[in-house]
PDB file of N, CA and C in Angstrom:
ATOM      1  N   UNK A   1      19.207  24.615  25.081  1.00  0.00           N
ATOM      2  CA  UNK A   1      18.337  24.627  23.938  1.00  0.00           C
ATOM      3  C   UNK A   1      18.764  23.559  22.937  1.00  0.00           C
ATOM      4  N   UNK A   2      20.061  23.389  22.752  1.00  0.00           N
ATOM      5  CA  UNK A   2      20.566  22.402  21.792  1.00  0.00           C
ATOM      6  C   UNK A   2      20.136  20.995  22.203  1.00  0.00           C
ATOM      7  N   UNK A   3      20.254  20.666  23.490  1.00  0.00           N
ATOM      8  CA  UNK A   3      19.835  19.341  23.963  1.00  0.00           C
ATOM      9  C   UNK A   3      18.333  19.152  23.830  1.00  0.00           C
ATOM     10  N   UNK A   4      17.573  20.171  24.220  1.00  0.00           N
ATOM     11  CA  UNK A   4      16.115  20.104  24.126  1.00  0.00           C
ATOM     12  C   UNK A   4      15.686  19.899  22.676  1.00  0.00           C
ATOM     13  N   UNK A   5      16.292  20.647  21.765  1.00  0.00           N
ATOM     14  CA  UNK A   5      15.958  20.543  20.349  1.00  0.00           C
ATOM     15  C   UNK A   5      16.307  19.151  19.810  1.00  0.00           C
ATOM     16  N   UNK A   6      17.456  18.614  20.224  1.00  0.00           N
ATOM     17  CA  UNK A   6      17.857  17.283  19.773  1.00  0.00           C
ATOM     18  C   UNK A   6      16.881  16.219  20.269  1.00  0.00           C
ATOM     19  N   UNK A   7      16.431  16.344  21.516  1.00  0.00           N
ATOM     20  CA  UNK A   7      15.463  15.395  22.051  1.00  0.00           C
ATOM     21  C   UNK A   7      14.157  15.466  21.267  1.00  0.00           C
ATOM     22  N   UNK A   8      13.685  16.675  20.999  1.00  0.00           N
ATOM     23  CA  UNK A   8      12.445  16.811  20.228  1.00  0.00           C
ATOM     24  C   UNK A   8      12.592  16.228  18.832  1.00  0.00           C
ATOM     25  N   UNK A   9      13.752  16.427  18.203  1.00  0.00           N
ATOM     26  CA  UNK A   9      13.969  15.828  16.884  1.00  0.00           C
ATOM     27  C   UNK A   9      13.934  14.311  16.952  1.00  0.00           C
ATOM     28  N   UNK A  10      14.434  13.732  18.029  1.00  0.00           N
ATOM     29  CA  UNK A  10      14.393  12.276  18.193  1.00  0.00           C
ATOM     30  C   UNK A  10      12.951  11.805  18.360  1.00  0.00           C
ATOM     31  N   UNK A  11      12.207  12.497  19.230  1.00  0.00           N
ATOM     32  CA  UNK A  11      10.826  12.092  19.510  1.00  0.00           C
ATOM     33  C   UNK A  11       9.934  12.278  18.294  1.00  0.00           C
ATOM     34  N   UNK A  12      10.032  13.415  17.631  1.00  0.00           N
ATOM     35  CA  UNK A  12       9.079  13.747  16.574  1.00  0.00           C
ATOM     36  C   UNK A  12       9.554  13.384  15.173  1.00  0.00           C
ATOM     37  N   UNK A  13      10.861  13.371  14.934  1.00  0.00           N
ATOM     38  CA  UNK A  13      11.367  13.119  13.578  1.00  0.00           C
ATOM     39  C   UNK A  13      12.249  11.879  13.495  1.00  0.00           C
ATOM     40  N   UNK A  14      12.451  11.208  14.616  1.00  0.00           N
ATOM     41  CA  UNK A  14      13.307  10.022  14.703  1.00  0.00           C
ATOM     42  C   UNK A  14      14.705  10.289  14.147  1.00  0.00           C
ATOM     43  N   UNK A  15      15.230  11.489  14.409  1.00  0.00           N
ATOM     44  CA  UNK A  15      16.600  11.828  14.025  1.00  0.00           C
ATOM     45  C   UNK A  15      17.355  12.260  15.275  1.00  0.00           C
ATOM     46  N   UNK A  16      18.642  12.023  15.285  1.00  0.00           N
ATOM     47  CA  UNK A  16      19.464  12.395  16.430  1.00  0.00           C
ATOM     48  C   UNK A  16      20.850  12.794  15.925  1.00  0.00           C
ATOM     49  N   UNK A  17      21.451  13.765  16.587  1.00  0.00           N
ATOM     50  CA  UNK A  17      22.791  14.218  16.221  1.00  0.00           C
ATOM     51  C   UNK A  17      23.793  13.736  17.259  1.00  0.00           C
ATOM     52  N   UNK A  18      25.033  13.549  16.836  1.00  0.00           N
ATOM     53  CA  UNK A  18      26.087  13.107  17.748  1.00  0.00           C
ATOM     54  C   UNK A  18      26.419  14.191  18.759  1.00  0.00           C
ATOM     55  N   UNK A  19      26.913  13.756  19.902  1.00  0.00           N
ATOM     56  CA  UNK A  19      27.257  14.692  20.971  1.00  0.00           C
ATOM     57  C   UNK A  19      28.250  15.755  20.546  1.00  0.00           C
ATOM     58  N   UNK A  20      29.253  15.370  19.748  1.00  0.00           N
ATOM     59  CA  UNK A  20      30.255  16.345  19.304  1.00  0.00           C
ATOM     60  C   UNK A  20      29.594  17.451  18.484  1.00  0.00           C
ATOM     61  N   UNK A  21      28.659  17.076  17.623  1.00  0.00           N
ATOM     62  CA  UNK A  21      27.948  18.061  16.799  1.00  0.00           C
ATOM     63  C   UNK A  21      27.116  18.994  17.686  1.00  0.00           C
ATOM     64  N   UNK A  22      26.479  18.412  18.694  1.00  0.00           N
ATOM     65  CA  UNK A  22      25.688  19.232  19.617  1.00  0.00           C
ATOM     66  C   UNK A  22      26.584  20.205  20.376  1.00  0.00           C
ATOM     67  N   UNK A  23      27.754  19.717  20.770  1.00  0.00           N
ATOM     68  CA  UNK A  23      28.703  20.587  21.468  1.00  0.00           C
ATOM     69  C   UNK A  23      29.138  21.755  20.606  1.00  0.00           C
ATOM     70  N   UNK A  24      29.387  21.489  19.327  1.00  0.00           N
ATOM     71  CA  UNK A  24      29.799  22.565  18.416  1.00  0.00           C
ATOM     72  C   UNK A  24      28.655  23.568  18.215  1.00  0.00           C
ATOM     73  N   UNK A  25      27.437  23.058  18.086  1.00  0.00           N
ATOM     74  CA  UNK A  25      26.286  23.973  17.948  1.00  0.00           C
ATOM     75  C   UNK A  25      26.177  24.872  19.179  1.00  0.00           C
ATOM     76  N   UNK A  26      26.286  24.271  20.355  1.00  0.00           N
ATOM     77  CA  UNK A  26      26.186  25.053  21.591  1.00  0.00           C
ATOM     78  C   UNK A  26      27.308  26.083  21.656  1.00  0.00           C
ATOM     79  N   UNK A  27      28.528  25.685  21.267  1.00  0.00           N
ATOM     80  CA  UNK A  27      29.658  26.603  21.284  1.00  0.00           C
ATOM     81  C   UNK A  27      29.415  27.771  20.343  1.00  0.00           C
ATOM     82  N   UNK A  28      28.910  27.508  19.138  1.00  0.00           N
ATOM     83  CA  UNK A  28      28.640  28.589  18.170  1.00  0.00           C
ATOM     84  C   UNK A  28      27.541  29.525  18.685  1.00  0.00           C
ATOM     85  N   UNK A  29      26.504  28.961  19.291  1.00  0.00           N
ATOM     86  CA  UNK A  29      25.452  29.807  19.857  1.00  0.00           C
ATOM     87  C   UNK A  29      26.010  30.687  20.970  1.00  0.00           C
ATOM     88  N   UNK A  30      26.885  30.104  21.806  1.00  0.00           N
ATOM     89  CA  UNK A  30      27.504  30.869  22.887  1.00  0.00           C
ATOM     90  C   UNK A  30      28.344  32.007  22.326  1.00  0.00           C
ATOM     91  N   UNK A  31      29.139  31.741  21.288  1.00  0.00           N
ATOM     92  CA  UNK A  31      29.972  32.775  20.676  1.00  0.00           C
ATOM     93  C   UNK A  31      29.104  33.883  20.079  1.00  0.00           C
ATOM     94  N   UNK A  32      28.009  33.492  19.454  1.00  0.00           N
ATOM     95  CA  UNK A  32      27.103  34.491  18.881  1.00  0.00           C
ATOM     96  C   UNK A  32      26.507  35.357  19.988  1.00  0.00           C
ATOM     97  N   UNK A  33      26.104  34.732  21.098  1.00  0.00           N
ATOM     98  CA  UNK A  33      25.541  35.475  22.218  1.00  0.00           C
ATOM     99  C   UNK A  33      26.570  36.455  22.767  1.00  0.00           C
ATOM    100  N   UNK A  34      27.815  35.996  22.950  1.00  0.00           N
ATOM    101  CA  UNK A  34      28.872  36.877  23.457  1.00  0.00           C
ATOM    102  C   UNK A  34      29.103  38.057  22.524  1.00  0.00           C
ATOM    103  N   UNK A  35      29.080  37.799  21.225  1.00  0.00           N
ATOM    104  CA  UNK A  35      29.287  38.863  20.246  1.00  0.00           C
ATOM    105  C   UNK A  35      28.192  39.920  20.343  1.00  0.00           C
ATOM    106  N   UNK A  36      26.957  39.472  20.482  1.00  0.00           N
ATOM    107  CA  UNK A  36      25.834  40.412  20.608  1.00  0.00           C
ATOM    108  C   UNK A  36      25.965  41.214  21.901  1.00  0.00           C
ATOM    109  N   UNK A  37      26.366  40.547  22.996  1.00  0.00           N
ATOM    110  CA  UNK A  37      26.519  41.249  24.265  1.00  0.00           C
ATOM    111  C   UNK A  37      27.613  42.313  24.171  1.00  0.00           C
ATOM    112  N   UNK A  38      28.718  42.001  23.498  1.00  0.00           N
ATOM    113  CA  UNK A  38      29.787  42.978  23.344  1.00  0.00           C
ATOM    114  C   UNK A  38      29.308  44.163  22.509  1.00  0.00           C
ATOM    115  N   UNK A  39      28.546  43.874  21.469  1.00  0.00           N
ATOM    116  CA  UNK A  39      28.006  44.946  20.638  1.00  0.00           C
ATOM    117  C   UNK A  39      27.059  45.829  21.455  1.00  0.00           C
ATOM    118  N   UNK A  40      26.218  45.202  22.256  1.00  0.00           N
ATOM    119  CA  UNK A  40      25.281  45.953  23.083  1.00  0.00           C
ATOM    120  C   UNK A  40      26.012  46.865  24.059  1.00  0.00           C
ATOM    121  N   UNK A  41      27.135  46.392  24.602  1.00  0.00           N
ATOM    122  CA  UNK A  41      27.871  47.183  25.589  1.00  0.00           C
ATOM    123  C   UNK A  41      28.646  48.329  24.943  1.00  0.00           C
ATOM    124  N   UNK A  42      28.854  48.264  23.653  1.00  0.00           N
ATOM    125  CA  UNK A  42      29.559  49.335  22.953  1.00  0.00           C
ATOM    126  C   UNK A  42      28.610  50.432  22.466  1.00  0.00           C
ATOM    127  N   UNK A  43      27.320  50.218  22.604  1.00  0.00           N
ATOM    128  CA  UNK A  43      26.343  51.232  22.209  1.00  0.00           C
ATOM    129  C   UNK A  43      25.654  51.749  23.465  1.00  0.00           C
ATOM    130  N   UNK A  44      25.268  53.023  23.452  1.00  0.00           N
ATOM    131  CA  UNK A  44      24.607  53.556  24.645  1.00  0.00           C
ATOM    132  C   UNK A  44      23.284  52.840  24.900  1.00  0.00           C
ATOM    133  N   UNK A  45      23.111  52.432  26.126  1.00  0.00           N
ATOM    134  CA  UNK A  45      21.884  51.722  26.500  1.00  0.00           C
ATOM    135  C   UNK A  45      20.833  52.729  26.950  1.00  0.00           C
ATOM    136  N   UNK A  46      19.575  52.465  26.632  1.00  0.00           N
ATOM    137  CA  UNK A  46      18.519  53.355  27.125  1.00  0.00           C
ATOM    138  C   UNK A  46      18.414  53.249  28.648  1.00  0.00           C
ATOM    139  N   UNK A  47      17.966  54.310  29.278  1.00  0.00           N
ATOM    140  CA  UNK A  47      17.799  54.316  30.725  1.00  0.00           C
ATOM    141  C   UNK A  47      16.642  53.386  31.071  1.00  0.00           C
ATOM    142  N   UNK A  48      16.902  52.493  32.015  1.00  0.00           N
ATOM    143  CA  UNK A  48      15.867  51.554  32.437  1.00  0.00           C
ATOM    144  C   UNK A  48      15.602  51.727  33.918  1.00  0.00           C
ATOM    145  N   UNK A  49      14.364  51.471  34.294  1.00  0.00           N
ATOM    146  CA  UNK A  49      14.009  51.512  35.707  1.00  0.00           C
ATOM    147  C   UNK A  49      13.961  50.088  36.226  1.00  0.00           C
ATOM    148  N   UNK A  50      14.525  49.876  37.406  1.00  0.00           N
ATOM    149  CA  UNK A  50      14.526  48.548  38.010  1.00  0.00           C
ATOM    150  C   UNK A  50      13.143  48.246  38.558  1.00  0.00           C
ATOM    151  N   UNK A  51      12.625  47.099  38.183  1.00  0.00           N
ATOM    152  CA  UNK A  51      11.324  46.650  38.687  1.00  0.00           C
ATOM    153  C   UNK A  51      11.570  45.486  39.650  1.00  0.00           C
ATOM    154  N   UNK A  52      10.920  45.477  40.789  1.00  0.00           N
ATOM    155  CA  UNK A  52      11.098  44.326  41.685  1.00  0.00           C
ATOM    156  C   UNK A  52      10.522  43.067  41.035  1.00  0.00           C
ATOM    157  N   UNK A  53      11.262  41.970  41.140  1.00  0.00           N
ATOM    158  CA  UNK A  53      10.815  40.709  40.567  1.00  0.00           C
ATOM    159  C   UNK A  53      10.344  39.782  41.672  1.00  0.00           C
ATOM    160  N   UNK A  54       9.202  39.179  41.471  1.00  0.00           N
ATOM    161  CA  UNK A  54       8.708  38.206  42.418  1.00  0.00           C
ATOM    162  C   UNK A  54       7.768  37.263  41.685  1.00  0.00           C
ATOM    163  N   UNK A  55       7.664  36.056  42.194  1.00  0.00           N
ATOM    164  CA  UNK A  55       6.823  35.041  41.575  1.00  0.00           C
ATOM    165  C   UNK A  55       5.362  35.333  41.882  1.00  0.00           C
ATOM    166  N   UNK A  56       4.530  35.162  40.880  1.00  0.00           N
ATOM    167  CA  UNK A  56       3.096  35.330  41.072  1.00  0.00           C
ATOM    168  C   UNK A  56       2.394  34.083  40.562  1.00  0.00           C
ATOM    169  N   UNK A  57       1.318  33.726  41.226  1.00  0.00           N
ATOM    170  CA  UNK A  57       0.496  32.628  40.727  1.00  0.00           C
ATOM    171  C   UNK A  57      -0.050  33.024  39.360  1.00  0.00           C
ATOM    172  N   UNK A  58      -0.247  32.041  38.493  1.00  0.00           N
ATOM    173  CA  UNK A  58      -0.890  32.376  37.216  1.00  0.00           C
ATOM    174  C   UNK A  58      -2.332  32.805  37.468  1.00  0.00           C
ATOM    175  N   UNK A  59      -2.898  33.535  36.535  1.00  0.00           N
ATOM    176  CA  UNK A  59      -4.279  33.978  36.664  1.00  0.00           C
ATOM    177  C   UNK A  59      -5.202  32.767  36.721  1.00  0.00           C
ATOM    178  N   UNK A  60      -6.352  32.943  37.282  1.00  0.00           N
ATOM    179  CA  UNK A  60      -7.319  31.854  37.393  1.00  0.00           C
ATOM    180  C   UNK A  60      -7.603  31.269  36.009  1.00  0.00           C
ATOM    181  N   UNK A  61      -7.555  29.947  35.923  1.00  0.00           N
ATOM    182  CA  UNK A  61      -7.794  29.272  34.656  1.00  0.00           C
ATOM    183  C   UNK A  61      -6.538  29.050  33.825  1.00  0.00           C
ATOM    184  N   UNK A  62      -5.386  29.553  34.278  1.00  0.00           N
ATOM    185  CA  UNK A  62      -4.122  29.393  33.554  1.00  0.00           C
ATOM    186  C   UNK A  62      -3.221  28.443  34.332  1.00  0.00           C
ATOM    187  N   UNK A  63      -2.228  27.881  33.634  1.00  0.00           N
ATOM    188  CA  UNK A  63      -1.244  26.997  34.238  1.00  0.00           C
ATOM    189  C   UNK A  63       0.154  27.546  33.996  1.00  0.00           C
ATOM    190  N   UNK A  64       1.050  27.286  34.928  1.00  0.00           N
ATOM    191  CA  UNK A  64       2.474  27.592  34.754  1.00  0.00           C
ATOM    192  C   UNK A  64       3.190  26.260  34.857  1.00  0.00           C
ATOM    193  N   UNK A  65       4.064  25.973  33.887  1.00  0.00           N
ATOM    194  CA  UNK A  65       4.758  24.693  33.877  1.00  0.00           C
ATOM    195  C   UNK A  65       6.226  24.908  33.525  1.00  0.00           C
ATOM    196  N   UNK A  66       7.137  24.570  34.444  1.00  0.00           N
ATOM    197  CA  UNK A  66       8.575  24.616  34.197  1.00  0.00           C
ATOM    198  C   UNK A  66       9.032  23.209  33.852  1.00  0.00           C
ATOM    199  N   UNK A  67       9.851  23.074  32.801  1.00  0.00           N
ATOM    200  CA  UNK A  67      10.295  21.754  32.358  1.00  0.00           C
ATOM    201  C   UNK A  67      11.807  21.722  32.205  1.00  0.00           C
ATOM    202  N   UNK A  68      12.365  20.511  32.272  1.00  0.00           N
ATOM    203  CA  UNK A  68      13.789  20.302  32.045  1.00  0.00           C
ATOM    204  C   UNK A  68      13.968  18.854  31.598  1.00  0.00           C
ATOM    205  N   UNK A  69      15.094  18.574  30.945  1.00  0.00           N
ATOM    206  CA  UNK A  69      15.368  17.217  30.479  1.00  0.00           C
ATOM    207  C   UNK A  69      16.854  16.941  30.582  1.00  0.00           C
ATOM    208  N   UNK A  70      17.193  15.657  30.665  1.00  0.00           N
ATOM    209  CA  UNK A  70      18.587  15.248  30.706  1.00  0.00           C
ATOM    210  C   UNK A  70      18.806  14.025  29.833  1.00  0.00           C
ATOM    211  N   UNK A  71      20.053  13.837  29.393  1.00  0.00           N
ATOM    212  CA  UNK A  71      20.387  12.729  28.496  1.00  0.00           C
ATOM    213  C   UNK A  71      21.685  12.083  28.968  1.00  0.00           C
ATOM    214  N   UNK A  72      21.737  10.759  28.946  1.00  0.00           N
ATOM    215  CA  UNK A  72      22.953  10.020  29.264  1.00  0.00           C
ATOM    216  C   UNK A  72      23.191   9.023  28.145  1.00  0.00           C
ATOM    217  N   UNK A  73      24.095   9.379  27.230  1.00  0.00           N
ATOM    218  CA  UNK A  73      24.321   8.585  26.031  1.00  0.00           C
ATOM    219  C   UNK A  73      24.851   7.191  26.363  1.00  0.00           C
ATOM    220  N   UNK A  74      25.803   7.087  27.310  1.00  0.00           N
ATOM    221  CA  UNK A  74      26.395   5.788  27.630  1.00  0.00           C
ATOM    222  C   UNK A  74      25.365   4.798  28.170  1.00  0.00           C
ATOM    223  N   UNK A  75      24.418   5.292  28.937  1.00  0.00           N
ATOM    224  CA  UNK A  75      23.375   4.430  29.484  1.00  0.00           C
ATOM    225  C   UNK A  75      22.151   4.359  28.582  1.00  0.00           C
ATOM    226  N   UNK A  76      22.150   5.160  27.512  1.00  0.00           N
ATOM    227  CA  UNK A  76      21.012   5.217  26.589  1.00  0.00           C
ATOM    228  C   UNK A  76      19.718   5.537  27.333  1.00  0.00           C
ATOM    229  N   UNK A  77      19.803   6.559  28.206  1.00  0.00           N
ATOM    230  CA  UNK A  77      18.640   6.952  29.008  1.00  0.00           C
ATOM    231  C   UNK A  77      18.388   8.440  28.894  1.00  0.00           C
ATOM    232  N   UNK A  78      17.143   8.798  29.010  1.00  0.00           N
ATOM    233  CA  UNK A  78      16.754  10.200  29.091  1.00  0.00           C
ATOM    234  C   UNK A  78      15.936  10.385  30.363  1.00  0.00           C
ATOM    235  N   UNK A  79      15.847  11.606  30.800  1.00  0.00           N
ATOM    236  CA  UNK A  79      15.020  11.920  31.955  1.00  0.00           C
ATOM    237  C   UNK A  79      14.349  13.259  31.713  1.00  0.00           C
ATOM    238  N   UNK A  80      13.232  13.446  32.354  1.00  0.00           N
ATOM    239  CA  UNK A  80      12.506  14.706  32.226  1.00  0.00           C
ATOM    240  C   UNK A  80      11.814  15.002  33.548  1.00  0.00           C
ATOM    241  N   UNK A  81      11.562  16.252  33.773  1.00  0.00           N
ATOM    242  CA  UNK A  81      10.853  16.654  34.974  1.00  0.00           C
ATOM    243  C   UNK A  81      10.067  17.916  34.721  1.00  0.00           C
ATOM    244  N   UNK A  82       9.042  18.121  35.510  1.00  0.00           N
ATOM    245  CA  UNK A  82       8.250  19.326  35.366  1.00  0.00           C
ATOM    246  C   UNK A  82       7.599  19.664  36.693  1.00  0.00           C
ATOM    247  N   UNK A  83       7.326  20.938  36.832  1.00  0.00           N
ATOM    248  CA  UNK A  83       6.620  21.445  38.001  1.00  0.00           C
ATOM    249  C   UNK A  83       5.479  22.286  37.462  1.00  0.00           C
ATOM    250  N   UNK A  84       4.296  22.001  37.926  1.00  0.00           N
ATOM    251  CA  UNK A  84       3.111  22.682  37.403  1.00  0.00           C
ATOM    252  C   UNK A  84       2.403  23.389  38.554  1.00  0.00           C
ATOM    253  N   UNK A  85       1.921  24.559  38.279  1.00  0.00           N
ATOM    254  CA  UNK A  85       1.150  25.295  39.271  1.00  0.00           C
ATOM    255  C   UNK A  85      -0.110  25.799  38.601  1.00  0.00           C
ATOM    256  N   UNK A  86      -1.241  25.485  39.179  1.00  0.00           N
ATOM    257  CA  UNK A  86      -2.523  25.878  38.624  1.00  0.00           C
ATOM    258  C   UNK A  86      -2.962  27.208  39.202  1.00  0.00           C
ATOM    259  N   UNK A  87      -3.565  28.005  38.387  1.00  0.00           N
ATOM    260  CA  UNK A  87      -4.049  29.303  38.839  1.00  0.00           C
ATOM    261  C   UNK A  87      -5.458  29.214  39.389  1.00  0.00           C
ATOM    262  N   UNK A  88      -5.589  28.796  40.628  1.00  0.00           N
ATOM    263  CA  UNK A  88      -6.900  28.717  41.285  1.00  0.00           C
ATOM    264  C   UNK A  88      -6.819  29.482  42.594  1.00  0.00           C
ATOM    265  N   UNK A  89      -7.844  30.172  42.914  1.00  0.00           N
ATOM    266  CA  UNK A  89      -7.892  30.935  44.150  1.00  0.00           C
ATOM    267  C   UNK A  89      -9.126  30.532  44.932  1.00  0.00           C
ATOM    268  N   UNK A  90      -8.957  30.443  46.222  1.00  0.00           N
ATOM    269  CA  UNK A  90     -10.092  30.127  47.068  1.00  0.00           C
ATOM    270  C   UNK A  90     -10.903  31.392  47.309  1.00  0.00           C
ATOM    271  N   UNK A  91     -12.190  31.294  47.099  1.00  0.00           N
ATOM    272  CA  UNK A  91     -13.072  32.439  47.331  1.00  0.00           C
ATOM    273  C   UNK A  91     -13.894  32.148  48.576  1.00  0.00           C
ATOM    274  N   UNK A  92     -13.894  33.085  49.495  1.00  0.00           N
ATOM    275  CA  UNK A  92     -14.634  32.875  50.747  1.00  0.00           C
ATOM    276  C   UNK A  92     -15.805  33.800  50.807  1.00  0.00           C
TER     277      UNK A  92
END
């Protein structure tokens, strides 16, 4: 999330943060997440039922798009990728 947010700030606001600052932000977010998880484990959890997980096509007329990005400061390059799946069904 920290890298994605930094890229968006560069694209939309023409601002960028140094790698060390991004690393510290990521570390603080990780520590906060760990703290919340420890708190959750110290309180009784509600009973949950396991639901089987499986991929489904999006509904007709909808799109599903997975995205990712990468940054290489030394080469001054960025990369991005996406996979899109359209929700269309053949009717016979």
